[in-house]
Amino acid sequence: MNAGNAANTGNGGNANQEGAPDLPSLRGFRSLRDEVSAALRAALVSGQMRPGVVYSAPALAARFEVSATPVREAMLDLARTGLVEVVRNKGFRVTEVSEAELDDITELRRLIEVPTMSGLAGEVPPGAYAELWPLARAIVDAARAGDLIGYVEADRRFHLDLLRLAGNSTLVDTVAELRERTRLFGLGRLAERGVLEASAREHLALLDLLEAGDGEAVRVLMHRHLGHVRGTWAGRAE
């Protein structure tokens, strides 16, 4: 999705109007439903799908160039988690997340992710870096290209893959759920200004520090990195 199209989501952002955001092609993926779901979740987090706007499954399916069935199934999955709500005979409305809720989510993520990542310093199996480095570079590439959905999805995979190395599946599931409820409406403006890449490169720096076994430096970097969630990534000063 092009960052410059964020403001055009939902037919001008009318909260009572159906819309189809500028979503990426899904051609070539292994599971169509899973990839539709991942793209929609990333669109919600990045603000490409706006709170209050009603989106129809056929309109989204037309943009994806797929049938409406996998889109409708993915949206129903999102409805079950409270990320959207069903609007009878119209489609799905994106639910609002309050500023207070977003602050609470970020606080919880810091409490969980900072010590967990710090504890992984020097403990990441060498073979894991073969998958983590390409993901970190994909985040940078997406930031450079202004691909917000690609950025959010690569960032999600990178951080969850790292957390899995701690061996606590409940922790990973908790963070995954918290990430889905995060809203990063400032990403588009950062991409347009060409400054999103700077924070994207923190993922490369994180891997360097983990390989070096510097737990304290990892702690400092992760604290700053998560600060972007309610700072520049949310369109606010840090």
Protein backbone atom coordinates (compact mmCIF):
# COMPACT_ATOMS: atom_id res chain seq x y z
CA MET A 1 0.00 0.00 0.00
CA ASN A 2 1.29 3.41 -0.91
CA ALA A 3 1.66 5.76 2.05
CA GLY A 4 0.31 8.64 0.03
CA ASN A 5 -3.01 6.84 -0.32
CA ALA A 6 -3.69 6.70 3.41
CA ALA A 7 -5.87 9.78 3.39
CA ASN A 8 -7.98 8.38 0.56
CA THR A 9 -9.02 5.23 2.40
CA GLY A 10 -12.73 4.58 2.53
CA ASN A 11 -13.93 6.91 -0.25
CA GLY A 12 -12.61 10.05 1.33
CA GLY A 13 -12.81 8.82 4.92
CA ASN A 14 -16.65 9.10 5.20
CA ALA A 15 -17.44 7.09 8.31
CA ASN A 16 -20.75 5.84 6.85
CA GLN A 17 -19.48 4.89 3.43
CA GLU A 18 -18.10 1.66 2.06
CA GLY A 19 -14.54 1.75 0.78
CA ALA A 20 -11.67 -0.31 -0.59
CA PRO A 21 -8.23 0.83 0.60
CA ASP A 22 -5.28 0.60 -1.74
CA LEU A 23 -4.19 -2.91 -0.72
CA PRO A 24 -1.35 -4.92 -2.27
CA SER A 25 -1.71 -7.83 -4.66
CA LEU A 26 -1.87 -11.27 -3.04
CA ARG A 27 -0.72 -13.27 -6.06
CA GLY A 28 1.66 -16.13 -5.28
CA PHE A 29 1.03 -16.52 -1.55
CA ARG A 30 0.53 -20.01 -0.09
CA SER A 31 -2.69 -19.42 1.87
CA LEU A 32 -5.00 -16.81 0.42
CA ARG A 33 -7.16 -16.43 3.51
CA ASP A 34 -4.13 -16.09 5.79
CA GLU A 35 -2.51 -13.49 3.56
CA VAL A 36 -5.74 -11.51 3.21
CA SER A 37 -6.04 -11.57 7.00
CA ALA A 38 -2.41 -10.46 7.49
CA ALA A 39 -2.80 -7.60 5.00
CA LEU A 40 -6.05 -6.43 6.60
CA ARG A 41 -4.54 -6.51 10.10
CA ALA A 42 -1.56 -4.50 8.89
CA ALA A 43 -3.91 -2.03 7.19
CA LEU A 44 -5.76 -1.56 10.48
CA VAL A 45 -2.56 -1.01 12.48
CA SER A 46 -1.06 1.42 9.95
CA GLY A 47 -4.26 3.42 9.56
CA GLN A 48 -4.83 2.52 5.94
CA MET A 49 -8.25 1.29 7.11
CA ARG A 50 -9.71 4.05 9.24
CA PRO A 51 -11.82 3.80 12.43
CA GLY A 52 -15.52 4.32 11.81
CA VAL A 53 -15.36 3.55 8.08
CA VAL A 54 -17.51 0.68 6.76
CA TYR A 55 -15.78 -1.64 4.28
CA SER A 56 -17.64 -4.22 2.18
CA ALA A 57 -16.15 -7.63 1.44
CA PRO A 58 -16.90 -7.35 -2.32
CA ALA A 59 -15.13 -3.98 -2.56
CA LEU A 60 -12.08 -5.30 -0.74
CA ALA A 61 -12.13 -8.49 -2.80
CA ALA A 62 -12.19 -6.48 -6.03
CA ARG A 63 -9.05 -4.64 -4.92
CA PHE A 64 -7.36 -7.93 -4.02
CA GLU A 65 -8.52 -9.49 -7.29
CA VAL A 66 -9.92 -12.50 -5.43
CA SER A 67 -13.39 -13.79 -4.62
CA ALA A 68 -15.28 -12.23 -1.74
CA THR A 69 -15.25 -15.45 0.30
CA PRO A 70 -11.69 -15.33 1.75
CA VAL A 71 -12.07 -11.60 2.40
CA ARG A 72 -15.38 -12.10 4.21
CA GLU A 73 -13.89 -14.96 6.26
CA ALA A 74 -10.87 -12.83 7.21
CA MET A 75 -13.09 -9.91 8.21
CA LEU A 76 -15.25 -12.23 10.34
CA ASP A 77 -12.05 -13.39 12.07
CA LEU A 78 -11.24 -9.75 12.79
CA ALA A 79 -14.78 -9.22 14.09
CA ARG A 80 -14.35 -12.10 16.56
CA THR A 81 -11.31 -10.34 18.02
CA GLY A 82 -13.11 -7.00 18.19
CA LEU A 83 -10.97 -5.23 15.58
CA VAL A 84 -14.01 -4.64 13.36
CA GLU A 85 -17.76 -4.94 13.88
CA VAL A 86 -20.36 -6.37 11.52
CA VAL A 87 -22.75 -3.84 9.98
CA ARG A 88 -25.82 -5.70 8.74
CA ASN A 89 -26.22 -5.67 4.94
CA LYS A 90 -23.31 -3.24 4.55
CA GLY A 91 -20.03 -4.79 5.64
CA PHE A 92 -17.60 -4.23 8.49
CA ARG A 93 -16.85 -1.09 10.50
CA VAL A 94 -13.36 -0.57 11.94
CA THR A 95 -13.60 -0.15 15.71
CA GLU A 96 -12.08 2.76 17.60
CA VAL A 97 -9.22 2.37 20.09
CA SER A 98 -8.96 5.16 22.66
CA GLU A 99 -5.77 7.06 23.42
CA ALA A 100 -5.85 5.69 26.97
CA GLU A 101 -6.10 2.12 25.66
CA LEU A 102 -3.17 2.73 23.32
CA ASP A 103 -1.08 4.06 26.22
CA ASP A 104 -1.95 0.98 28.30
CA ILE A 105 -1.06 -1.35 25.40
CA THR A 106 2.33 0.29 24.96
CA GLU A 107 3.07 0.11 28.69
CA LEU A 108 2.29 -3.61 28.69
CA ARG A 109 4.47 -4.19 25.64
CA ARG A 110 7.39 -2.47 27.33
CA LEU A 111 6.95 -4.54 30.49
CA ILE A 112 6.99 -7.74 28.42
CA GLU A 113 9.28 -7.10 25.46
CA VAL A 114 12.13 -5.05 26.93
CA PRO A 115 13.31 -7.63 29.52
CA THR A 116 12.59 -10.54 27.16
CA MET A 117 14.69 -9.09 24.36
CA SER A 118 17.45 -8.11 26.78
CA GLY A 119 17.50 -11.69 28.06
CA LEU A 120 18.05 -12.97 24.51
CA ALA A 121 21.36 -11.09 24.17
CA GLY A 122 24.03 -13.63 23.34
CA GLU A 123 21.46 -16.45 23.47
CA VAL A 124 20.00 -16.35 19.93
CA PRO A 125 20.97 -19.56 18.08
CA PRO A 126 23.32 -18.74 15.18
CA GLY A 127 20.98 -20.39 12.68
CA ALA A 128 18.11 -18.05 13.62
CA TYR A 129 19.94 -15.05 12.19
CA ALA A 130 19.61 -16.50 8.69
CA GLU A 131 15.89 -15.70 8.87
CA LEU A 132 16.04 -12.60 11.10
CA TRP A 133 18.48 -10.57 8.98
CA PRO A 134 16.33 -10.77 5.80
CA LEU A 135 13.28 -9.73 7.82
CA ALA A 136 15.13 -6.75 9.31
CA ARG A 137 16.25 -5.69 5.83
CA ALA A 138 12.67 -6.13 4.53
CA ILE A 139 11.49 -3.64 7.16
CA VAL A 140 14.05 -1.10 5.93
CA ASP A 141 13.14 -1.73 2.29
CA ALA A 142 9.42 -1.27 3.01
CA ALA A 143 10.12 1.97 4.90
CA ARG A 144 12.20 3.28 1.99
CA ALA A 145 9.45 2.39 -0.49
CA GLY A 146 6.66 3.86 1.63
CA ASP A 147 4.96 0.44 1.78
CA LEU A 148 3.16 0.74 5.11
CA ILE A 149 1.47 -2.65 5.05
CA GLY A 150 4.74 -4.33 4.11
CA TYR A 151 6.46 -2.41 6.90
CA VAL A 152 3.93 -3.38 9.58
CA GLU A 153 3.80 -7.04 8.51
CA ALA A 154 7.59 -7.47 8.32
CA ASP A 155 7.94 -5.70 11.67
CA ARG A 156 5.34 -8.02 13.21
CA ARG A 157 7.07 -11.15 11.91
CA PHE A 158 10.51 -9.92 13.01
CA HIS A 159 9.53 -9.15 16.60
CA LEU A 160 7.34 -12.22 17.11
CA ASP A 161 10.00 -14.52 15.63
CA LEU A 162 12.53 -13.07 18.06
CA LEU A 163 10.19 -13.44 21.03
CA ARG A 164 9.55 -17.09 20.13
CA LEU A 165 13.21 -17.77 20.82
CA ALA A 166 12.48 -17.11 24.51
CA GLY A 167 10.40 -20.30 24.51
CA ASN A 168 7.19 -18.84 25.97
CA SER A 169 4.29 -19.27 23.54
CA THR A 170 1.82 -17.48 25.85
CA LEU A 171 4.08 -14.44 25.87
CA VAL A 172 4.22 -14.46 22.05
CA ASP A 173 0.44 -14.77 21.76
CA THR A 174 -0.05 -11.90 24.22
CA VAL A 175 2.29 -9.58 22.34
CA ALA A 176 0.70 -10.55 19.01
CA GLU A 177 -2.71 -9.56 20.37
CA LEU A 178 -1.38 -6.29 21.79
CA ARG A 179 0.24 -5.44 18.45
CA GLU A 180 -3.06 -5.97 16.63
CA ARG A 181 -4.71 -3.34 18.84
CA THR A 182 -1.91 -0.82 18.30
CA ARG A 183 -2.58 2.11 15.93
CA LEU A 184 0.33 3.75 14.10
CA PHE A 185 -1.36 6.56 12.20
CA GLY A 186 1.85 8.58 11.96
CA LEU A 187 3.64 6.07 9.71
CA GLY A 188 2.29 7.58 6.49
CA ARG A 189 3.59 11.07 7.28
CA LEU A 190 7.00 9.69 8.28
CA ALA A 191 7.21 7.74 5.02
CA GLU A 192 6.22 10.80 2.97
CA ARG A 193 8.98 12.81 4.69
CA GLY A 194 11.50 10.03 4.08
CA VAL A 195 12.34 9.57 7.76
CA LEU A 196 10.66 6.24 8.51
CA GLU A 197 13.78 4.42 7.35
CA ALA A 198 15.77 5.77 10.30
CA SER A 199 13.62 3.97 12.87
CA ALA A 200 13.43 0.91 10.59
CA ARG A 201 17.21 0.58 10.84
CA GLU A 202 16.87 0.07 14.59
CA HIS A 203 15.97 -3.54 13.75
CA LEU A 204 19.40 -4.04 12.17
CA ALA A 205 21.04 -2.43 15.19
CA LEU A 206 19.06 -4.72 17.50
CA LEU A 207 20.41 -7.82 15.77
CA ASP A 208 23.96 -6.48 16.02
CA LEU A 209 23.53 -5.96 19.77
CA LEU A 210 21.96 -9.38 20.28
CA GLU A 211 24.85 -11.05 18.46
CA ALA A 212 27.31 -9.05 20.56
CA GLY A 213 25.57 -10.21 23.75
CA ASP A 214 25.11 -6.64 25.05
CA GLY A 215 21.95 -7.02 27.11
CA GLU A 216 22.01 -3.50 28.56
CA ALA A 217 22.32 -1.91 25.12
CA VAL A 218 19.45 -4.11 23.90
CA ARG A 219 17.34 -2.91 26.83
CA VAL A 220 18.02 0.75 26.02
CA LEU A 221 17.33 0.28 22.30
CA MET A 222 14.09 -1.66 22.87
CA HIS A 223 12.83 0.96 25.33
CA ARG A 224 13.47 3.68 22.74
CA HIS A 225 12.09 1.55 19.90
CA LEU A 226 8.78 0.89 21.66
CA GLY A 227 8.61 4.58 22.51
CA HIS A 228 7.98 5.21 18.82
CA VAL A 229 4.65 3.36 19.14
CA ARG A 230 3.16 6.29 21.06
CA GLY A 231 5.61 8.81 19.64
CA THR A 232 6.55 9.43 16.03
CA TRP A 233 4.81 6.29 14.66
CA ALA A 234 1.57 7.59 16.19
CA GLY A 235 2.15 11.11 14.86
CA ARG A 236 3.26 12.57 18.20
CA ALA A 237 6.45 14.08 19.53
CA GLU A 238 8.72 11.87 21.65
